[in-house]
Amino acid sequence: MDDNHLGDFLRARRAGLRPEDVGMASHGTRRVAGLRREEVAVLAGVNADYYTRLEQGRERHPSPQVLDALARALRLDTDARAHLYRLAGSAPGEQPHVHTAERAGPALRQLMDGYSDTPAFVLNRTLDLLAANALADALFAPFAPADNLARMAFLDPAGRHFYADWDRAAQATVANLRQAAGFDPDGPRLRDLVRTLTEHSADFTRLWEAHTVRGKTLDAKDLIHPDVGPLSLTYQAFDVRDAPGQQLVIYHAAPGSPSAQALSLLGSLHATRHRTEPRPRG
């Protein structure tokens, strides 16, 4: 039998709610974390046996009306609600199993190179770094290699020092990957990445099992670069129209701020190193 992605998500979100969170009284000794299945069924207005079948994977295609009711019962936000629909194969207007292109196109690379004063890079849904301009290369230079934001955060020792608030960055990273799982739950790249991370990081495993889903936000990125010190950056993420699943991410520092000055210094240091590095012999 295929993995029960929908049931796993429902069970994790149920475990994260307490009766008082949804205005219900708690009666008797509770042997499970969070709400009971029967309580979710009551909140959603569905049959308890039907809800049990959903969690167990014996029913996998609930109607949009049932999904709406479950989203309300489980207090899902916009990202988590969309994720629920994708797992049930009911996301309107979306193609959940379109594989993301693994290369950034030449026009996109040329566009990124035009942003000489700010880091710009391209990600796919599994947070692989597909391309980066010179300043993004300099920004991610502490990582060896700078290949995937999740691997970098959890498995590269530099990650704990690079993110000023590592816990927050780790939570956001896993929530982004969970969103990716909704588009292609059985994608080989996602499976391989999650397998590697769960084998080597207890922190990742704990966060992954929570099934928190969140897309990219506009939160500030507070970073600490070993060459230039603290950086407080905002960012924008743009969907790449001709490559579904890819995003162009651009970091930005407030003009005249210490972070802007630090980025300028970082770019100069990076350019100097490249000029002085010995070229490989042909």
C-alpha atoms as a PDB file:
ATOM      1  CA  MET A   1       0.000   0.000   0.000  1.00  0.00           C
ATOM      2  CA  ASP A   2       1.178   3.543  -0.783  1.00  0.00           C
ATOM      3  CA  ASP A   3       2.196   5.851   2.008  1.00  0.00           C
ATOM      4  CA  ASN A   4      -0.765   7.339   3.831  1.00  0.00           C
ATOM      5  CA  HIS A   5       0.148  11.009   3.416  1.00  0.00           C
ATOM      6  CA  LEU A   6      -3.350  12.363   4.055  1.00  0.00           C
ATOM      7  CA  GLY A   7      -3.888  10.238   7.158  1.00  0.00           C
ATOM      8  CA  ASP A   8      -0.474  11.114   8.577  1.00  0.00           C
ATOM      9  CA  PHE A   9      -1.210  14.815   8.164  1.00  0.00           C
ATOM     10  CA  LEU A  10      -4.643  14.587   9.807  1.00  0.00           C
ATOM     11  CA  ARG A  11      -3.252  12.581  12.720  1.00  0.00           C
ATOM     12  CA  ALA A  12      -0.377  15.000  13.334  1.00  0.00           C
ATOM     13  CA  ARG A  13      -2.593  18.069  13.241  1.00  0.00           C
ATOM     14  CA  ARG A  14      -5.131  16.410  15.544  1.00  0.00           C
ATOM     15  CA  ALA A  15      -2.335  15.635  18.017  1.00  0.00           C
ATOM     16  CA  GLY A  16      -1.351  19.293  18.038  1.00  0.00           C
ATOM     17  CA  LEU A  17      -4.726  20.526  19.316  1.00  0.00           C
ATOM     18  CA  ARG A  18      -6.135  20.361  22.839  1.00  0.00           C
ATOM     19  CA  PRO A  19      -9.848  20.389  23.669  1.00  0.00           C
ATOM     20  CA  GLU A  20      -9.547  23.882  25.130  1.00  0.00           C
ATOM     21  CA  ASP A  21      -8.042  25.094  21.838  1.00  0.00           C
ATOM     22  CA  VAL A  22     -11.320  24.343  20.079  1.00  0.00           C
ATOM     23  CA  GLY A  23     -13.725  25.216  22.885  1.00  0.00           C
ATOM     24  CA  MET A  24     -14.448  21.653  23.998  1.00  0.00           C
ATOM     25  CA  ALA A  25     -14.537  20.300  27.535  1.00  0.00           C
ATOM     26  CA  SER A  26     -12.064  17.551  28.389  1.00  0.00           C
ATOM     27  CA  HIS A  27     -13.560  14.481  30.061  1.00  0.00           C
ATOM     28  CA  GLY A  28     -11.776  11.482  31.597  1.00  0.00           C
ATOM     29  CA  THR A  29      -8.193  10.337  31.255  1.00  0.00           C
ATOM     30  CA  ARG A  30      -6.732  11.086  27.835  1.00  0.00           C
ATOM     31  CA  ARG A  31      -4.464   8.361  26.464  1.00  0.00           C
ATOM     32  CA  VAL A  32      -3.605  10.239  23.284  1.00  0.00           C
ATOM     33  CA  ALA A  33      -1.950  13.558  22.621  1.00  0.00           C
ATOM     34  CA  GLY A  34      -4.359  16.214  21.462  1.00  0.00           C
ATOM     35  CA  LEU A  35      -7.921  15.643  20.294  1.00  0.00           C
ATOM     36  CA  ARG A  36      -9.562  12.250  19.952  1.00  0.00           C
ATOM     37  CA  ARG A  37     -10.760  11.124  16.529  1.00  0.00           C
ATOM     38  CA  GLU A  38     -14.341  11.314  17.731  1.00  0.00           C
ATOM     39  CA  GLU A  39     -13.846  14.914  18.774  1.00  0.00           C
ATOM     40  CA  VAL A  40     -12.507  15.910  15.365  1.00  0.00           C
ATOM     41  CA  ALA A  41     -15.439  14.147  13.735  1.00  0.00           C
ATOM     42  CA  VAL A  42     -17.899  16.097  15.899  1.00  0.00           C
ATOM     43  CA  LEU A  43     -16.183  19.399  15.118  1.00  0.00           C
ATOM     44  CA  ALA A  44     -16.195  18.641  11.394  1.00  0.00           C
ATOM     45  CA  GLY A  45     -19.732  17.259  11.371  1.00  0.00           C
ATOM     46  CA  VAL A  46     -18.737  13.939   9.821  1.00  0.00           C
ATOM     47  CA  ASN A  47     -19.273  10.348  10.854  1.00  0.00           C
ATOM     48  CA  ALA A  48     -16.628   9.151  13.335  1.00  0.00           C
ATOM     49  CA  ASP A  49     -16.095   5.898  11.426  1.00  0.00           C
ATOM     50  CA  TYR A  50     -15.619   7.832   8.186  1.00  0.00           C
ATOM     51  CA  TYR A  51     -13.020  10.077   9.826  1.00  0.00           C
ATOM     52  CA  THR A  52     -11.225   6.998  11.192  1.00  0.00           C
ATOM     53  CA  ARG A  53     -11.067   5.562   7.671  1.00  0.00           C
ATOM     54  CA  LEU A  54      -9.493   8.811   6.473  1.00  0.00           C
ATOM     55  CA  GLU A  55      -6.734   8.621   9.071  1.00  0.00           C
ATOM     56  CA  GLN A  56      -6.138   4.938   8.413  1.00  0.00           C
ATOM     57  CA  GLY A  57      -5.917   5.416   4.655  1.00  0.00           C
ATOM     58  CA  ARG A  58      -8.967   3.313   3.871  1.00  0.00           C
ATOM     59  CA  GLU A  59     -10.672   6.412   2.447  1.00  0.00           C
ATOM     60  CA  ARG A  60      -8.465   8.788   0.485  1.00  0.00           C
ATOM     61  CA  HIS A  61     -10.702  11.034  -1.564  1.00  0.00           C
ATOM     62  CA  PRO A  62     -12.968  13.132   0.669  1.00  0.00           C
ATOM     63  CA  SER A  63     -15.188  15.710  -0.996  1.00  0.00           C
ATOM     64  CA  PRO A  64     -14.287  19.423  -0.994  1.00  0.00           C
ATOM     65  CA  GLN A  65     -17.073  19.947   1.554  1.00  0.00           C
ATOM     66  CA  VAL A  66     -15.507  17.423   3.931  1.00  0.00           C
ATOM     67  CA  LEU A  67     -12.076  18.948   3.420  1.00  0.00           C
ATOM     68  CA  ASP A  68     -13.436  22.394   4.242  1.00  0.00           C
ATOM     69  CA  ALA A  69     -15.015  21.032   7.405  1.00  0.00           C
ATOM     70  CA  LEU A  70     -11.800  19.277   8.453  1.00  0.00           C
ATOM     71  CA  ALA A  71      -9.768  22.420   7.809  1.00  0.00           C
ATOM     72  CA  ARG A  72     -12.074  24.384  10.104  1.00  0.00           C
ATOM     73  CA  ALA A  73     -12.104  21.672  12.760  1.00  0.00           C
ATOM     74  CA  LEU A  74      -8.309  21.414  12.809  1.00  0.00           C
ATOM     75  CA  ARG A  75      -7.833  25.212  12.737  1.00  0.00           C
ATOM     76  CA  LEU A  76      -5.708  25.074   9.575  1.00  0.00           C
ATOM     77  CA  ASP A  77      -4.266  28.302   8.207  1.00  0.00           C
ATOM     78  CA  THR A  78      -4.176  29.104   4.487  1.00  0.00           C
ATOM     79  CA  ASP A  79      -1.006  27.153   3.701  1.00  0.00           C
ATOM     80  CA  ALA A  80      -2.048  24.102   5.717  1.00  0.00           C
ATOM     81  CA  ARG A  81      -5.525  24.110   4.157  1.00  0.00           C
ATOM     82  CA  ALA A  82      -4.057  24.166   0.634  1.00  0.00           C
ATOM     83  CA  HIS A  83      -1.724  21.329   1.671  1.00  0.00           C
ATOM     84  CA  LEU A  84      -4.702  19.282   2.898  1.00  0.00           C
ATOM     85  CA  TYR A  85      -6.405  19.704  -0.473  1.00  0.00           C
ATOM     86  CA  ARG A  86      -3.286  18.662  -2.359  1.00  0.00           C
ATOM     87  CA  LEU A  87      -2.859  15.512  -0.288  1.00  0.00           C
ATOM     88  CA  ALA A  88      -6.469  14.604  -1.081  1.00  0.00           C
ATOM     89  CA  GLY A  89      -5.930  15.302  -4.790  1.00  0.00           C
ATOM     90  CA  SER A  90      -8.513  18.085  -4.758  1.00  0.00           C
ATOM     91  CA  ALA A  91      -6.491  21.296  -5.039  1.00  0.00           C
ATOM     92  CA  PRO A  92      -8.469  23.413  -7.538  1.00  0.00           C
ATOM     93  CA  GLY A  93      -6.510  24.667 -10.517  1.00  0.00           C
ATOM     94  CA  GLU A  94      -3.268  22.917  -9.533  1.00  0.00           C
ATOM     95  CA  GLN A  95      -1.315  19.996 -10.973  1.00  0.00           C
ATOM     96  CA  PRO A  96       0.058  18.397  -7.823  1.00  0.00           C
ATOM     97  CA  HIS A  97       2.404  15.895  -9.440  1.00  0.00           C
ATOM     98  CA  VAL A  98       4.240  18.103 -11.943  1.00  0.00           C
ATOM     99  CA  HIS A  99       7.947  17.588 -11.329  1.00  0.00           C
ATOM    100  CA  THR A 100      10.033  20.682 -10.824  1.00  0.00           C
ATOM    101  CA  ALA A 101      12.677  21.476 -13.408  1.00  0.00           C
ATOM    102  CA  GLU A 102      16.161  20.881 -12.032  1.00  0.00           C
ATOM    103  CA  ARG A 103      17.974  23.649 -13.900  1.00  0.00           C
ATOM    104  CA  ALA A 104      17.594  27.407 -14.037  1.00  0.00           C
ATOM    105  CA  GLY A 105      17.240  28.706 -17.564  1.00  0.00           C
ATOM    106  CA  PRO A 106      19.884  30.964 -19.142  1.00  0.00           C
ATOM    107  CA  ALA A 107      17.566  34.000 -19.216  1.00  0.00           C
ATOM    108  CA  LEU A 108      16.933  33.608 -15.499  1.00  0.00           C
ATOM    109  CA  ARG A 109      20.660  33.340 -14.789  1.00  0.00           C
ATOM    110  CA  GLN A 110      21.275  36.491 -16.797  1.00  0.00           C
ATOM    111  CA  LEU A 111      18.569  38.293 -14.819  1.00  0.00           C
ATOM    112  CA  MET A 112      20.127  37.246 -11.515  1.00  0.00           C
ATOM    113  CA  ASP A 113      23.563  38.423 -12.583  1.00  0.00           C
ATOM    114  CA  GLY A 114      22.043  41.857 -13.145  1.00  0.00           C
ATOM    115  CA  TYR A 115      21.437  42.149  -9.391  1.00  0.00           C
ATOM    116  CA  SER A 116      25.041  42.919  -8.547  1.00  0.00           C
ATOM    117  CA  ASP A 117      24.338  44.572  -5.177  1.00  0.00           C
ATOM    118  CA  THR A 118      21.996  42.002  -3.680  1.00  0.00           C
ATOM    119  CA  PRO A 119      21.990  38.197  -3.345  1.00  0.00           C
ATOM    120  CA  ALA A 120      19.693  36.404  -5.791  1.00  0.00           C
ATOM    121  CA  PHE A 121      19.242  32.664  -6.245  1.00  0.00           C
ATOM    122  CA  VAL A 122      16.852  30.060  -7.626  1.00  0.00           C
ATOM    123  CA  LEU A 123      15.300  27.259  -5.570  1.00  0.00           C
ATOM    124  CA  ASN A 124      13.134  24.305  -6.459  1.00  0.00           C
ATOM    125  CA  ARG A 125      10.432  22.947  -4.146  1.00  0.00           C
ATOM    126  CA  THR A 126      12.848  20.703  -2.286  1.00  0.00           C
ATOM    127  CA  LEU A 127      15.054  23.750  -1.557  1.00  0.00           C
ATOM    128  CA  ASP A 128      17.886  22.758  -3.885  1.00  0.00           C
ATOM    129  CA  LEU A 129      19.971  25.771  -4.901  1.00  0.00           C
ATOM    130  CA  LEU A 130      19.797  25.599  -8.692  1.00  0.00           C
ATOM    131  CA  ALA A 131      21.631  28.831  -9.464  1.00  0.00           C
ATOM    132  CA  ALA A 132      23.006  31.887  -7.663  1.00  0.00           C
ATOM    133  CA  ASN A 133      24.560  35.210  -8.549  1.00  0.00           C
ATOM    134  CA  ALA A 134      27.990  36.250  -7.292  1.00  0.00           C
ATOM    135  CA  LEU A 135      26.757  37.890  -4.097  1.00  0.00           C
ATOM    136  CA  ALA A 136      24.597  34.881  -3.203  1.00  0.00           C
ATOM    137  CA  ASP A 137      27.648  32.667  -3.739  1.00  0.00           C
ATOM    138  CA  ALA A 138      29.525  34.911  -1.305  1.00  0.00           C
ATOM    139  CA  LEU A 139      26.652  34.848   1.183  1.00  0.00           C
ATOM    140  CA  PHE A 140      26.517  31.041   1.220  1.00  0.00           C
ATOM    141  CA  ALA A 141      30.293  30.576   1.103  1.00  0.00           C
ATOM    142  CA  PRO A 142      30.442  29.232   4.707  1.00  0.00           C
ATOM    143  CA  PHE A 143      28.664  26.066   3.511  1.00  0.00           C
ATOM    144  CA  ALA A 144      30.478  23.231   1.794  1.00  0.00           C
ATOM    145  CA  PRO A 145      28.755  22.711  -0.493  1.00  0.00           C
ATOM    146  CA  ALA A 146      25.942  25.274  -0.803  1.00  0.00           C
ATOM    147  CA  ASP A 147      23.572  22.821  -2.434  1.00  0.00           C
ATOM    148  CA  ASN A 148      20.306  22.515  -0.499  1.00  0.00           C
ATOM    149  CA  LEU A 149      18.955  24.857   2.192  1.00  0.00           C
ATOM    150  CA  ALA A 150      17.596  22.007   4.324  1.00  0.00           C
ATOM    151  CA  ARG A 151      20.818  20.007   4.251  1.00  0.00           C
ATOM    152  CA  MET A 152      22.779  23.169   4.949  1.00  0.00           C
ATOM    153  CA  ALA A 153      20.642  24.060   7.966  1.00  0.00           C
ATOM    154  CA  PHE A 154      20.552  20.613   9.584  1.00  0.00           C
ATOM    155  CA  LEU A 155      23.658  18.727   8.517  1.00  0.00           C
ATOM    156  CA  ASP A 156      26.325  21.348   7.833  1.00  0.00           C
ATOM    157  CA  PRO A 157      28.007  22.579  11.050  1.00  0.00           C
ATOM    158  CA  ALA A 158      28.036  26.093   9.573  1.00  0.00           C
ATOM    159  CA  GLY A 159      24.244  26.225   9.736  1.00  0.00           C
ATOM    160  CA  ARG A 160      24.081  26.641  13.513  1.00  0.00           C
ATOM    161  CA  HIS A 161      26.285  29.728  13.291  1.00  0.00           C
ATOM    162  CA  PHE A 162      24.922  31.176  10.044  1.00  0.00           C
ATOM    163  CA  TYR A 163      21.327  31.635  11.256  1.00  0.00           C
ATOM    164  CA  ALA A 164      21.038  34.068  14.173  1.00  0.00           C
ATOM    165  CA  ASP A 165      17.877  32.234  15.314  1.00  0.00           C
ATOM    166  CA  TRP A 166      18.584  28.675  14.186  1.00  0.00           C
ATOM    167  CA  ASP A 167      15.425  27.194  15.759  1.00  0.00           C
ATOM    168  CA  ARG A 168      13.201  29.583  13.851  1.00  0.00           C
ATOM    169  CA  ALA A 169      15.065  28.998  10.588  1.00  0.00           C
ATOM    170  CA  ALA A 170      14.871  25.217  11.082  1.00  0.00           C
ATOM    171  CA  GLN A 171      11.112  25.316  11.667  1.00  0.00           C
ATOM    172  CA  ALA A 172      10.561  27.438   8.557  1.00  0.00           C
ATOM    173  CA  THR A 173      12.761  25.159   6.450  1.00  0.00           C
ATOM    174  CA  VAL A 174      10.869  22.013   7.413  1.00  0.00           C
ATOM    175  CA  ALA A 175       7.515  23.745   6.942  1.00  0.00           C
ATOM    176  CA  ASN A 176       8.612  24.668   3.402  1.00  0.00           C
ATOM    177  CA  LEU A 177       9.544  21.048   2.684  1.00  0.00           C
ATOM    178  CA  ARG A 178       6.174  19.875   3.994  1.00  0.00           C
ATOM    179  CA  GLN A 179       4.520  22.194   1.510  1.00  0.00           C
ATOM    180  CA  ALA A 180       6.637  20.606  -1.234  1.00  0.00           C
ATOM    181  CA  ALA A 181       5.390  17.179  -0.139  1.00  0.00           C
ATOM    182  CA  GLY A 182       1.848  18.245  -0.921  1.00  0.00           C
ATOM    183  CA  PHE A 183       2.733  18.814  -4.577  1.00  0.00           C
ATOM    184  CA  ASP A 184       4.571  15.528  -5.074  1.00  0.00           C
ATOM    185  CA  PRO A 185       4.484  13.336  -1.941  1.00  0.00           C
ATOM    186  CA  ASP A 186       6.310  10.433  -3.576  1.00  0.00           C
ATOM    187  CA  GLY A 187       8.863  12.419  -5.574  1.00  0.00           C
ATOM    188  CA  PRO A 188      12.224  10.622  -5.520  1.00  0.00           C
ATOM    189  CA  ARG A 189      14.236  13.764  -4.725  1.00  0.00           C
ATOM    190  CA  LEU A 190      12.044  14.607  -1.712  1.00  0.00           C
ATOM    191  CA  ARG A 191      12.156  11.010  -0.476  1.00  0.00           C
ATOM    192  CA  ASP A 192      15.958  10.862  -0.713  1.00  0.00           C
ATOM    193  CA  LEU A 193      16.368  14.209   1.017  1.00  0.00           C
ATOM    194  CA  VAL A 194      13.977  13.380   3.864  1.00  0.00           C
ATOM    195  CA  ARG A 195      15.593   9.967   4.322  1.00  0.00           C
ATOM    196  CA  THR A 196      19.051  11.524   4.626  1.00  0.00           C
ATOM    197  CA  LEU A 197      17.892  14.228   7.020  1.00  0.00           C
ATOM    198  CA  THR A 198      15.953  11.861   9.280  1.00  0.00           C
ATOM    199  CA  GLU A 199      18.888   9.463   9.440  1.00  0.00           C
ATOM    200  CA  HIS A 200      21.291  12.165  10.593  1.00  0.00           C
ATOM    201  CA  SER A 201      19.247  14.805  12.421  1.00  0.00           C
ATOM    202  CA  ALA A 202      16.922  14.199  15.364  1.00  0.00           C
ATOM    203  CA  ASP A 203      15.896  17.874  15.171  1.00  0.00           C
ATOM    204  CA  PHE A 204      14.722  17.458  11.597  1.00  0.00           C
ATOM    205  CA  THR A 205      12.835  14.267  12.429  1.00  0.00           C
ATOM    206  CA  ARG A 206      10.972  15.955  15.298  1.00  0.00           C
ATOM    207  CA  LEU A 207       9.940  18.916  13.153  1.00  0.00           C
ATOM    208  CA  TRP A 208       9.063  16.756  10.129  1.00  0.00           C
ATOM    209  CA  GLU A 209       6.715  14.600  12.181  1.00  0.00           C
ATOM    210  CA  ALA A 210       4.809  17.694  13.341  1.00  0.00           C
ATOM    211  CA  HIS A 211       3.467  18.188   9.761  1.00  0.00           C
ATOM    212  CA  THR A 212       3.580  21.980  10.001  1.00  0.00           C
ATOM    213  CA  VAL A 213       3.081  23.508   6.551  1.00  0.00           C
ATOM    214  CA  ARG A 214       4.087  27.004   5.515  1.00  0.00           C
ATOM    215  CA  GLY A 215       5.102  28.717   2.312  1.00  0.00           C
ATOM    216  CA  LYS A 216       7.768  31.368   2.119  1.00  0.00           C
ATOM    217  CA  THR A 217       6.918  34.453   4.154  1.00  0.00           C
ATOM    218  CA  LEU A 218       8.293  37.984   4.154  1.00  0.00           C
ATOM    219  CA  ASP A 219       9.975  37.559   7.537  1.00  0.00           C
ATOM    220  CA  ALA A 220      13.386  39.150   7.927  1.00  0.00           C
ATOM    221  CA  LYS A 221      16.428  36.938   7.538  1.00  0.00           C
ATOM    222  CA  ASP A 222      18.843  37.497  10.400  1.00  0.00           C
ATOM    223  CA  LEU A 223      22.160  35.947   9.440  1.00  0.00           C
ATOM    224  CA  ILE A 224      25.702  35.964  10.794  1.00  0.00           C
ATOM    225  CA  HIS A 225      28.400  35.745   8.135  1.00  0.00           C
ATOM    226  CA  PRO A 226      31.916  34.880   9.336  1.00  0.00           C
ATOM    227  CA  ASP A 227      33.475  37.526   7.064  1.00  0.00           C
ATOM    228  CA  VAL A 228      31.197  40.547   7.655  1.00  0.00           C
ATOM    229  CA  GLY A 229      29.178  39.777  10.791  1.00  0.00           C
ATOM    230  CA  PRO A 230      25.414  40.242  11.347  1.00  0.00           C
ATOM    231  CA  LEU A 231      23.095  40.766   8.378  1.00  0.00           C
ATOM    232  CA  SER A 232      19.424  41.727   8.664  1.00  0.00           C
ATOM    233  CA  LEU A 233      17.805  41.167   5.265  1.00  0.00           C
ATOM    234  CA  THR A 234      14.309  41.144   3.841  1.00  0.00           C
ATOM    235  CA  TYR A 235      13.441  39.115   0.774  1.00  0.00           C
ATOM    236  CA  GLN A 236      10.979  38.551  -2.024  1.00  0.00           C
ATOM    237  CA  ALA A 237      10.256  35.239  -3.743  1.00  0.00           C
ATOM    238  CA  PHE A 238       8.889  35.097  -7.293  1.00  0.00           C
ATOM    239  CA  ASP A 239       7.441  32.047  -9.057  1.00  0.00           C
ATOM    240  CA  VAL A 240       9.209  31.239 -12.325  1.00  0.00           C
ATOM    241  CA  ARG A 241       6.433  31.091 -14.896  1.00  0.00           C
ATOM    242  CA  ASP A 242       8.148  28.763 -17.371  1.00  0.00           C
ATOM    243  CA  ALA A 243       9.450  26.367 -14.679  1.00  0.00           C
ATOM    244  CA  PRO A 244       6.649  25.399 -12.248  1.00  0.00           C
ATOM    245  CA  GLY A 245       8.028  24.812  -8.767  1.00  0.00           C
ATOM    246  CA  GLN A 246      11.024  27.099  -9.154  1.00  0.00           C
ATOM    247  CA  GLN A 247      11.321  30.379  -7.272  1.00  0.00           C
ATOM    248  CA  LEU A 248      13.622  33.328  -7.733  1.00  0.00           C
ATOM    249  CA  VAL A 249      14.589  34.635  -4.290  1.00  0.00           C
ATOM    250  CA  ILE A 250      16.104  38.096  -3.851  1.00  0.00           C
ATOM    251  CA  TYR A 251      17.531  39.294  -0.549  1.00  0.00           C
ATOM    252  CA  HIS A 252      17.613  43.000   0.220  1.00  0.00           C
ATOM    253  CA  ALA A 253      19.171  45.254   2.846  1.00  0.00           C
ATOM    254  CA  ALA A 254      17.758  48.672   3.719  1.00  0.00           C
ATOM    255  CA  PRO A 255      19.720  51.355   1.823  1.00  0.00           C
ATOM    256  CA  GLY A 256      22.420  52.915   3.959  1.00  0.00           C
ATOM    257  CA  SER A 257      21.990  50.372   6.748  1.00  0.00           C
ATOM    258  CA  PRO A 258      24.859  48.472   8.377  1.00  0.00           C
ATOM    259  CA  SER A 259      23.614  45.358   6.572  1.00  0.00           C
ATOM    260  CA  ALA A 260      23.813  47.126   3.205  1.00  0.00           C
ATOM    261  CA  GLN A 261      27.382  48.165   3.988  1.00  0.00           C
ATOM    262  CA  ALA A 262      28.195  44.608   5.073  1.00  0.00           C
ATOM    263  CA  LEU A 263      26.780  43.197   1.808  1.00  0.00           C
ATOM    264  CA  SER A 264      28.891  45.643  -0.176  1.00  0.00           C
ATOM    265  CA  LEU A 265      31.982  44.572   1.752  1.00  0.00           C
ATOM    266  CA  LEU A 266      31.102  40.922   1.243  1.00  0.00           C
ATOM    267  CA  GLY A 267      30.843  41.446  -2.510  1.00  0.00           C
ATOM    268  CA  SER A 268      34.241  43.150  -2.571  1.00  0.00           C
ATOM    269  CA  LEU A 269      35.869  40.375  -0.539  1.00  0.00           C
ATOM    270  CA  HIS A 270      34.360  37.722  -2.791  1.00  0.00           C
ATOM    271  CA  ALA A 271      35.529  39.480  -5.961  1.00  0.00           C
ATOM    272  CA  THR A 272      39.033  39.941  -4.565  1.00  0.00           C
ATOM    273  CA  ARG A 273      39.321  36.269  -3.651  1.00  0.00           C
ATOM    274  CA  HIS A 274      38.258  35.210  -7.116  1.00  0.00           C
ATOM    275  CA  ARG A 275      40.838  37.491  -8.714  1.00  0.00           C
ATOM    276  CA  THR A 276      43.643  36.161  -6.514  1.00  0.00           C
ATOM    277  CA  GLU A 277      42.740  32.455  -6.575  1.00  0.00           C
ATOM    278  CA  PRO A 278      45.080  30.425  -8.791  1.00  0.00           C
ATOM    279  CA  ARG A 279      43.422  29.280 -11.994  1.00  0.00           C
ATOM    280  CA  PRO A 280      43.410  25.545 -12.708  1.00  0.00           C
ATOM    281  CA  ARG A 281      45.909  24.470 -15.308  1.00  0.00           C
ATOM    282  CA  GLY A 282      44.554  23.137 -18.517  1.00  0.00           C
END
